[in-house]
Protein backbone atom coordinates (compact mmCIF):
# COMPACT_ATOMS: atom_id res chain seq x y z
CA UNK A 1 -22.30 -68.56 31.24
CA UNK A 2 -23.01 -67.87 34.82
CA UNK A 3 -25.40 -65.07 35.68
CA UNK A 4 -26.00 -64.68 39.34
CA UNK A 5 -26.36 -68.42 40.38
CA UNK A 6 -27.85 -69.50 37.07
CA UNK A 7 -26.01 -71.37 34.47
CA UNK A 8 -26.80 -70.50 31.03
CA UNK A 9 -25.80 -71.93 27.54
CA UNK A 10 -25.59 -69.26 24.88
CA UNK A 11 -25.65 -70.64 21.47
CA UNK A 12 -24.62 -68.81 18.27
CA UNK A 13 -26.01 -65.32 17.75
CA UNK A 14 -27.34 -65.60 21.42
CA UNK A 15 -27.02 -62.60 24.10
CA UNK A 16 -27.09 -62.42 27.68
CA UNK A 17 -27.63 -59.13 29.54
CA UNK A 18 -25.93 -58.91 32.94
CA UNK A 19 -27.45 -56.50 35.20
CA UNK A 20 -25.08 -53.94 37.18
CA UNK A 21 -23.62 -55.54 40.28
CA UNK A 22 -24.47 -59.18 39.61
CA UNK A 23 -21.82 -61.62 39.45
CA UNK A 24 -21.08 -63.40 36.34
CA UNK A 25 -18.61 -65.74 34.30
CA UNK A 26 -18.08 -67.10 30.94
CA UNK A 27 -15.87 -69.25 29.14
CA UNK A 28 -16.13 -71.41 26.04
CA UNK A 29 -16.15 -75.39 26.29
CA UNK A 30 -12.36 -76.84 25.95
CA UNK A 31 -13.41 -78.48 22.64
CA UNK A 32 -14.82 -75.33 21.05
CA UNK A 33 -13.50 -71.66 20.47
CA UNK A 34 -15.83 -68.87 20.93
CA UNK A 35 -16.02 -65.41 19.65
CA UNK A 36 -17.76 -62.90 22.25
CA UNK A 37 -18.63 -59.23 21.95
CA UNK A 38 -19.07 -57.58 25.01
CA UNK A 39 -21.20 -54.31 25.48
CA UNK A 40 -20.64 -52.04 28.58
CA UNK A 41 -23.11 -49.33 29.24
CA UNK A 42 -22.88 -46.92 30.27
CA UNK A 43 -19.45 -46.64 28.44
CA UNK A 44 -16.66 -47.07 31.01
CA UNK A 45 -13.10 -47.09 30.03
CA UNK A 46 -12.20 -50.83 30.48
CA UNK A 47 -9.93 -51.49 27.57
CA UNK A 48 -6.77 -51.67 29.86
CA UNK A 49 -8.42 -54.07 32.14
CA UNK A 50 -9.40 -56.42 29.37
CA UNK A 51 -5.78 -56.14 28.13
CA UNK A 52 -4.42 -57.16 31.76
CA UNK A 53 -6.92 -59.96 32.08
CA UNK A 54 -4.83 -62.63 30.57
CA UNK A 55 -1.82 -61.78 32.69
CA UNK A 56 -4.08 -61.64 35.79
CA UNK A 57 -5.65 -65.16 34.95
CA UNK A 58 -2.03 -66.73 34.35
CA UNK A 59 -1.14 -65.29 37.76
CA UNK A 60 1.68 -63.41 36.46
CA UNK A 61 0.80 -60.21 38.30
CA UNK A 62 1.58 -59.56 41.99
CA UNK A 63 -1.39 -59.84 44.15
CA UNK A 64 -0.99 -56.11 45.34
CA UNK A 65 -1.19 -54.90 41.53
CA UNK A 66 -4.17 -57.17 40.88
CA UNK A 67 -5.92 -55.68 43.54
CA UNK A 68 -5.15 -52.25 42.47
CA UNK A 69 -6.51 -53.15 38.97
CA UNK A 70 -9.58 -54.56 40.29
CA UNK A 71 -10.34 -51.43 42.48
CA UNK A 72 -9.80 -49.11 39.62
CA UNK A 73 -12.06 -50.89 37.24
CA UNK A 74 -14.52 -52.06 40.04
CA UNK A 75 -14.14 -55.84 39.19
CA UNK A 76 -14.10 -58.57 41.70
CA UNK A 77 -13.32 -62.03 41.63
CA UNK A 78 -15.75 -64.14 43.88
CA UNK A 79 -15.91 -67.68 44.92
CA UNK A 80 -18.78 -69.36 42.95
CA UNK A 81 -19.19 -73.17 43.72
CA UNK A 82 -21.81 -73.67 41.00
CA UNK A 83 -19.31 -72.47 38.23
CA UNK A 84 -16.58 -74.60 39.26
CA UNK A 85 -19.02 -77.60 39.63
CA UNK A 86 -20.22 -76.94 36.17
CA UNK A 87 -16.62 -77.64 34.69
CA UNK A 88 -15.72 -80.47 36.90
CA UNK A 89 -18.90 -82.21 35.92
CA UNK A 90 -17.86 -82.47 32.19
């Protein structure tokens, strides 16, 4: 997981708190599967965002639709070289 510029390995039963406005990313290693529980506070309706996320990540939605979705849910993809490097290093 990345929180800000810090890369963190989260083991079974671990948790990470992401402060508001801090860029973050998460993924499981290619050879493993992970179960993730995400708690959002305050409670903001984001179920439709998480439902659309697989289509967004596969590039199946037009850029203007992705832009509308991101604005609606205040989600913004940003470049993170340290994240990319962590996956290319392995």
